[in-house]
Amino acid sequence: MTFREFLTYVPFARIFVRPPKPPGPVQSAGAQDESNPPANPTYKRDMRLAIAMEALSLVLMYILISPMVAMPIYNKLIFHPIPENDDLSDQIKTMENYFHCHFRNITFKALDGESMHGWYFERPGTNKVILVSHGNAGCMEHRLPLLPLLLQTGCSVFMYDYEGFGSSTGSPSMAKICDDATAAFDYVTQKLDVKPENVIVYGESIGCGATSTLSTRRKVGAIILQSPFTSFPEVAADKLVLMRLYPASVFQEPTLNNLAIMKKEHAPLLLIHGMKDDILPYRYSERIMAEAMEPKTLVLLPNAGHNDVYKTDVNVSIPALNKFIHSLN
């Protein structure tokens, strides 16, 4: 089999293979071609059919890999959960002693009935709780460095794992992380007796989408978005050129549209972003800041990337967090 013949069996490749010249009348040696031979009707019909089949294949492929159809596959590519595997009792005990707080392991139900795992660091003498929705990879264990940053504000902190992360059962998806944030909020307000207006919702990376969506479902006291993006369709188009072929309307809800949510009335908003973030560039935060309704504050960390916000430029982030939280009623 020649290479040309092989290509005829590969979808889409056939359109790059020059078709053979249609058969014409055989000329005797020395005869002159005074006119073009009539085209073979069967050849024309076969070529039209081949072109139609290739066009149909392209349309089917466009549909099959569209976010509307292939979102379960994209969820597998987006989320990278890791189960809990470390004993952090010593670090947790250290934080309890240093911040004079009480730690509790929490198990609660997701909206779909799955079991979810959370950590609650309760600081006596405060009525405010920071509810943390983390990023798309790892689990709560990997956010341990974030806890001192938040506990030093004087607030209690509730952190949880989405379905499929850490010890939480189930599997994650774009829709489920929003539902999981809602379930965590309901647990904090209903089981821990914290007033909704005293819950500060904190989103990290993709967790910003869950946090913003939560703020449209429940009344929250304030919103902190760390390393946010404008919307999932826009990020997808920035990361994968192929996604630019699809209009935003084919993306299933929720599209984690932080920008659209913040352009409407919202609780006090603080945006924190590393200027060396090469995963979600800080221009996303700048655009949200430019178009969001008041009240809003943007804090850029000049030396921080995407995964080191907890430990880089803390001389900027700590004062900003304290100023923002202490400005709340």
Protein backbone atom coordinates (compact mmCIF):
# COMPACT_ATOMS: atom_id res chain seq x y z
CA MET A 1 0.00 0.00 0.00
CA THR A 2 1.39 3.39 -0.97
CA PHE A 3 1.37 6.40 1.36
CA ARG A 4 -1.31 8.03 -0.81
CA GLU A 5 -3.50 4.95 -0.51
CA PHE A 6 -2.98 4.91 3.28
CA LEU A 7 -4.14 8.51 3.58
CA THR A 8 -7.43 7.67 1.92
CA TYR A 9 -8.30 5.63 5.03
CA VAL A 10 -7.54 8.48 7.48
CA PRO A 11 -10.48 10.81 8.30
CA PHE A 12 -9.92 14.36 7.02
CA ALA A 13 -6.59 13.39 5.41
CA ARG A 14 -8.35 12.46 2.18
CA ILE A 15 -9.08 16.11 1.47
CA PHE A 16 -5.32 16.71 1.20
CA VAL A 17 -4.75 13.89 -1.26
CA ARG A 18 -4.90 15.02 -4.85
CA PRO A 19 -7.51 12.85 -6.57
CA PRO A 20 -6.46 10.82 -9.57
CA LYS A 21 -7.12 12.27 -12.98
CA PRO A 22 -10.44 11.06 -14.32
CA PRO A 23 -10.14 8.51 -17.10
CA GLY A 24 -10.39 9.89 -20.63
CA PRO A 25 -10.23 8.41 -24.07
CA VAL A 26 -6.94 6.78 -24.93
CA GLN A 27 -5.04 8.66 -27.61
CA SER A 28 -2.93 6.95 -30.15
CA ALA A 29 0.75 7.73 -30.32
CA GLY A 30 1.44 11.03 -31.99
CA ALA A 31 -2.18 12.14 -31.82
CA GLN A 32 -2.81 15.72 -30.73
CA ASP A 33 -5.24 16.62 -27.94
CA GLU A 34 -7.36 19.13 -29.79
CA SER A 35 -10.08 19.36 -27.13
CA ASN A 36 -10.61 18.35 -23.46
CA PRO A 37 -12.16 14.91 -23.12
CA PRO A 38 -15.61 14.84 -21.53
CA ALA A 39 -15.50 14.32 -17.75
CA ASN A 40 -16.52 10.95 -16.42
CA PRO A 41 -20.00 11.33 -14.78
CA THR A 42 -19.24 8.56 -12.28
CA TYR A 43 -16.03 10.29 -11.22
CA LYS A 44 -17.85 13.60 -10.64
CA ARG A 45 -20.51 11.88 -8.58
CA ASP A 46 -17.88 10.08 -6.48
CA MET A 47 -16.00 13.33 -5.85
CA ARG A 48 -19.17 15.14 -4.74
CA LEU A 49 -19.95 12.26 -2.40
CA ALA A 50 -16.42 12.29 -0.97
CA ILE A 51 -16.55 16.04 -0.33
CA ALA A 52 -19.98 15.71 1.29
CA MET A 53 -18.74 12.91 3.54
CA GLU A 54 -15.71 14.93 4.60
CA ALA A 55 -17.90 17.93 5.37
CA LEU A 56 -20.23 15.74 7.39
CA SER A 57 -17.26 14.29 9.28
CA LEU A 58 -16.06 17.80 10.14
CA VAL A 59 -19.50 18.81 11.37
CA LEU A 60 -19.84 15.66 13.48
CA MET A 61 -16.38 16.16 14.97
CA TYR A 62 -17.21 19.81 15.74
CA ILE A 63 -20.33 18.66 17.59
CA LEU A 64 -18.71 15.72 19.40
CA ILE A 65 -15.87 17.77 20.90
CA SER A 66 -18.02 20.79 21.69
CA PRO A 67 -18.35 21.75 25.39
CA MET A 68 -22.07 21.00 25.13
CA VAL A 69 -21.38 17.32 24.38
CA ALA A 70 -17.88 16.60 25.66
CA MET A 71 -18.01 18.38 29.03
CA PRO A 72 -17.55 15.10 30.98
CA ILE A 73 -14.23 14.69 29.17
CA TYR A 74 -13.22 18.28 29.85
CA ASN A 75 -14.05 17.81 33.54
CA LYS A 76 -11.53 14.97 33.61
CA LEU A 77 -8.93 17.29 32.09
CA ILE A 78 -9.74 20.21 34.38
CA PHE A 79 -9.86 18.55 37.80
CA HIS A 80 -6.93 16.70 39.35
CA PRO A 81 -8.03 15.54 42.80
CA ILE A 82 -5.61 13.85 45.17
CA PRO A 83 -6.67 11.79 48.20
CA GLU A 84 -5.47 12.70 51.68
CA ASN A 85 -2.28 10.87 52.53
CA ASP A 86 -0.40 12.95 55.11
CA ASP A 87 -0.63 13.15 58.87
CA LEU A 88 -0.92 16.87 59.58
CA SER A 89 -1.80 16.58 63.25
CA ASP A 90 1.43 18.25 64.38
CA GLN A 91 1.00 21.24 62.05
CA ILE A 92 -2.66 21.60 63.01
CA LYS A 93 -1.80 21.46 66.71
CA THR A 94 0.82 24.16 66.17
CA MET A 95 -1.77 26.43 64.54
CA GLU A 96 -4.25 25.76 67.34
CA ASN A 97 -1.70 26.85 69.92
CA TYR A 98 -0.37 29.83 67.99
CA PHE A 99 -3.74 31.30 67.00
CA HIS A 100 -5.60 30.13 70.12
CA CYS A 101 -8.23 28.39 68.00
CA HIS A 102 -10.05 25.08 68.18
CA PHE A 103 -9.81 22.59 65.30
CA ARG A 104 -12.62 20.29 64.24
CA ASN A 105 -12.78 17.62 61.55
CA ILE A 106 -16.14 18.02 59.82
CA THR A 107 -18.16 15.60 57.70
CA PHE A 108 -21.26 16.88 55.95
CA LYS A 109 -23.52 16.03 53.04
CA ALA A 110 -23.24 17.39 49.52
CA LEU A 111 -26.41 18.45 47.73
CA ASP A 112 -26.37 15.15 45.82
CA GLY A 113 -25.90 13.10 49.00
CA GLU A 114 -22.16 12.45 48.72
CA SER A 115 -20.01 12.74 51.84
CA MET A 116 -17.81 15.83 52.09
CA HIS A 117 -14.88 16.55 54.37
CA GLY A 118 -14.06 19.89 55.93
CA TRP A 119 -11.76 21.54 58.47
CA TYR A 120 -13.05 24.12 60.90
CA PHE A 121 -10.63 26.36 62.79
CA GLU A 122 -12.79 28.23 65.26
CA ARG A 123 -11.35 31.36 66.83
CA PRO A 124 -13.13 32.42 70.02
CA GLY A 125 -14.33 35.99 70.26
CA THR A 126 -15.12 36.43 66.55
CA ASN A 127 -18.38 36.07 64.68
CA LYS A 128 -16.82 35.99 61.20
CA VAL A 129 -15.92 32.85 59.25
CA ILE A 130 -13.90 32.67 56.05
CA LEU A 131 -15.23 29.87 53.83
CA VAL A 132 -12.50 28.62 51.46
CA SER A 133 -13.18 27.00 48.07
CA HIS A 134 -9.82 25.82 46.72
CA GLY A 135 -8.42 25.25 43.24
CA ASN A 136 -8.69 22.40 40.74
CA ALA A 137 -5.87 20.13 41.97
CA GLY A 138 -4.67 18.44 45.13
CA CYS A 139 -6.81 18.69 48.25
CA MET A 140 -7.08 20.64 51.51
CA GLU A 141 -3.71 19.35 52.67
CA HIS A 142 -2.02 21.41 49.97
CA ARG A 143 -3.72 24.58 51.24
CA LEU A 144 -2.32 24.28 54.75
CA PRO A 145 -0.02 27.34 54.17
CA LEU A 146 -3.13 29.43 53.44
CA LEU A 147 -4.59 28.87 56.91
CA PRO A 148 -2.14 31.06 58.89
CA LEU A 149 -2.66 33.85 56.36
CA LEU A 150 -6.41 33.76 57.03
CA LEU A 151 -6.34 32.99 60.75
CA GLN A 152 -4.14 36.00 61.45
CA THR A 153 -7.06 38.22 60.41
CA GLY A 154 -8.87 37.14 63.58
CA CYS A 155 -11.56 35.22 61.69
CA SER A 156 -12.46 31.57 62.01
CA VAL A 157 -11.79 29.50 58.88
CA PHE A 158 -13.82 26.70 57.27
CA MET A 159 -12.09 24.84 54.45
CA TYR A 160 -13.50 21.84 52.61
CA ASP A 161 -12.76 19.41 49.78
CA TYR A 162 -15.00 19.16 46.73
CA GLU A 163 -16.48 15.81 45.82
CA GLY A 164 -13.72 13.45 44.76
CA PHE A 165 -10.99 15.47 46.51
CA GLY A 166 -9.26 14.34 49.67
CA SER A 167 -11.66 12.25 51.76
CA SER A 168 -14.79 13.54 50.03
CA THR A 169 -16.66 10.95 47.99
CA GLY A 170 -18.07 11.35 44.48
CA SER A 171 -16.43 13.01 41.50
CA PRO A 172 -15.92 16.68 40.64
CA SER A 173 -17.41 18.72 37.82
CA MET A 174 -17.99 22.37 37.00
CA ALA A 175 -21.54 22.15 38.27
CA LYS A 176 -20.70 20.10 41.35
CA ILE A 177 -18.07 22.47 42.73
CA CYS A 178 -20.72 25.20 42.77
CA ASP A 179 -23.17 22.87 44.52
CA ASP A 180 -20.43 21.82 46.95
CA ALA A 181 -19.71 25.46 47.83
CA THR A 182 -23.43 25.91 48.49
CA ALA A 183 -23.52 22.81 50.70
CA ALA A 184 -20.51 24.05 52.68
CA PHE A 185 -22.10 27.48 53.13
CA ASP A 186 -25.35 25.91 54.32
CA TYR A 187 -23.44 23.78 56.83
CA VAL A 188 -21.63 26.83 58.21
CA THR A 189 -24.81 28.87 58.56
CA GLN A 190 -27.18 26.11 59.66
CA LYS A 191 -25.01 23.73 61.72
CA LEU A 192 -22.37 26.13 63.01
CA ASP A 193 -24.94 28.90 63.57
CA VAL A 194 -23.00 31.59 61.73
CA LYS A 195 -25.11 34.38 60.29
CA PRO A 196 -24.89 34.56 56.47
CA GLU A 197 -23.74 38.18 56.59
CA ASN A 198 -20.78 37.08 58.72
CA VAL A 199 -19.52 34.53 56.17
CA ILE A 200 -16.66 35.77 53.97
CA VAL A 201 -16.41 33.51 50.93
CA TYR A 202 -12.88 32.96 49.62
CA GLY A 203 -12.19 31.42 46.22
CA GLU A 204 -8.86 30.23 44.87
CA SER A 205 -8.35 29.87 41.11
CA ILE A 206 -11.23 27.74 39.77
CA GLY A 207 -12.73 28.02 43.25
CA CYS A 208 -13.36 31.67 42.41
CA GLY A 209 -16.05 30.48 40.01
CA ALA A 210 -17.67 28.37 42.72
CA THR A 211 -17.43 31.28 45.15
CA SER A 212 -18.93 33.82 42.75
CA THR A 213 -21.76 31.44 41.85
CA LEU A 214 -22.39 30.84 45.56
CA SER A 215 -22.72 34.59 46.10
CA THR A 216 -25.65 34.61 43.64
CA ARG A 217 -27.41 31.78 45.52
CA ARG A 218 -26.88 32.90 49.10
CA LYS A 219 -26.43 36.19 50.89
CA VAL A 220 -22.76 36.47 51.85
CA GLY A 221 -20.88 39.03 53.92
CA ALA A 222 -17.96 39.58 51.54
CA ILE A 223 -16.12 38.00 48.62
CA ILE A 224 -12.38 37.38 48.22
CA LEU A 225 -11.18 36.06 44.87
CA GLN A 226 -7.56 34.92 44.71
CA SER A 227 -6.10 34.41 41.22
CA PRO A 228 -9.50 34.61 39.48
CA PHE A 229 -10.43 34.50 35.80
CA THR A 230 -13.17 36.27 33.88
CA SER A 231 -15.14 33.19 32.75
CA PHE A 232 -14.49 29.57 31.86
CA PRO A 233 -15.29 30.05 28.12
CA GLU A 234 -12.77 32.88 27.90
CA VAL A 235 -10.06 30.88 29.68
CA ALA A 236 -10.79 27.88 27.44
CA ALA A 237 -10.40 30.04 24.34
CA ASP A 238 -7.14 31.47 25.69
CA LYS A 239 -5.71 28.04 26.48
CA LEU A 240 -7.00 26.07 23.47
CA VAL A 241 -7.28 27.70 20.07
CA LEU A 242 -9.88 25.10 19.06
CA MET A 243 -12.26 26.46 21.72
CA ARG A 244 -12.40 29.75 19.86
CA LEU A 245 -14.59 28.01 17.29
CA TYR A 246 -17.39 27.72 19.84
CA PRO A 247 -19.68 30.54 20.98
CA ALA A 248 -20.13 31.00 24.73
CA SER A 249 -23.70 29.75 24.37
CA VAL A 250 -22.56 26.13 23.82
CA PHE A 251 -20.83 25.98 27.21
CA GLN A 252 -22.98 24.30 29.82
CA GLU A 253 -24.02 26.23 32.88
CA PRO A 254 -22.51 27.14 35.19
CA THR A 255 -19.80 28.83 33.13
CA LEU A 256 -18.13 30.22 36.27
CA ASN A 257 -18.50 33.73 34.89
CA ASN A 258 -16.87 35.80 37.62
CA LEU A 259 -16.96 38.93 35.47
CA ALA A 260 -20.68 38.79 34.71
CA ILE A 261 -21.53 38.15 38.36
CA MET A 262 -19.37 41.02 39.63
CA LYS A 263 -20.81 43.42 37.07
CA LYS A 264 -24.06 43.13 39.02
CA GLU A 265 -24.74 44.12 42.61
CA HIS A 266 -22.56 42.10 44.98
CA ALA A 267 -21.06 42.00 48.47
CA PRO A 268 -17.76 43.85 49.10
CA LEU A 269 -15.13 42.36 46.79
CA LEU A 270 -11.38 41.91 47.22
CA LEU A 271 -9.28 40.66 44.29
CA ILE A 272 -5.79 39.27 44.95
CA HIS A 273 -3.52 38.26 42.08
CA GLY A 274 0.16 37.50 41.52
CA MET A 275 1.71 39.51 38.73
CA LYS A 276 3.92 36.55 37.77
CA ASP A 277 0.96 34.20 37.39
CA ASP A 278 1.53 32.34 34.11
CA ILE A 279 -1.52 30.09 34.49
CA LEU A 280 -4.21 32.72 34.97
CA PRO A 281 -2.63 36.09 34.11
CA TYR A 282 -3.43 39.03 36.36
CA ARG A 283 -5.07 40.82 33.44
CA TYR A 284 -8.18 38.79 34.35
CA SER A 285 -8.31 40.49 37.74
CA GLU A 286 -7.63 43.86 36.15
CA ARG A 287 -10.59 43.41 33.84
CA ILE A 288 -12.88 42.30 36.67
CA MET A 289 -11.73 45.32 38.66
CA ALA A 290 -12.38 47.66 35.74
CA GLU A 291 -15.91 46.40 35.02
CA ALA A 292 -17.21 45.23 38.40
CA MET A 293 -19.62 47.26 40.46
CA GLU A 294 -18.50 48.88 43.69
CA PRO A 295 -17.45 48.07 46.35
CA LYS A 296 -14.26 46.52 44.97
CA THR A 297 -10.54 46.43 45.71
CA LEU A 298 -7.65 45.01 43.69
CA VAL A 299 -4.34 43.99 45.25
CA LEU A 300 -1.55 42.88 42.91
CA LEU A 301 1.40 40.92 44.30
CA PRO A 302 4.49 41.83 42.23
CA ASN A 303 6.53 38.68 42.93
CA ALA A 304 3.82 36.02 43.29
CA GLY A 305 2.83 33.43 40.72
CA HIS A 306 -0.22 31.19 40.73
CA ASN A 307 0.66 28.68 43.45
CA ASP A 308 2.78 30.73 45.86
CA VAL A 309 0.41 33.53 46.83
CA TYR A 310 0.35 32.15 50.39
CA LYS A 311 4.05 32.75 50.97
CA THR A 312 5.14 35.42 48.48
CA ASP A 313 4.60 39.14 49.05
CA VAL A 314 2.85 38.50 52.38
CA ASN A 315 3.99 41.99 53.37
CA VAL A 316 1.41 43.15 50.81
CA SER A 317 -1.32 40.52 51.14
CA ILE A 318 -1.56 40.45 54.95
CA PRO A 319 -2.20 44.20 55.36
CA ALA A 320 -4.63 44.08 52.43
CA LEU A 321 -6.60 41.19 53.95
CA ASN A 322 -6.72 42.83 57.37
CA LYS A 323 -7.79 46.19 55.98
CA PHE A 324 -10.53 44.61 53.87
CA ILE A 325 -11.94 42.35 56.61
CA HIS A 326 -11.80 45.02 59.31
CA SER A 327 -13.69 47.40 57.00
CA LEU A 328 -16.70 45.08 56.98
CA ASN A 329 -19.62 45.82 59.24
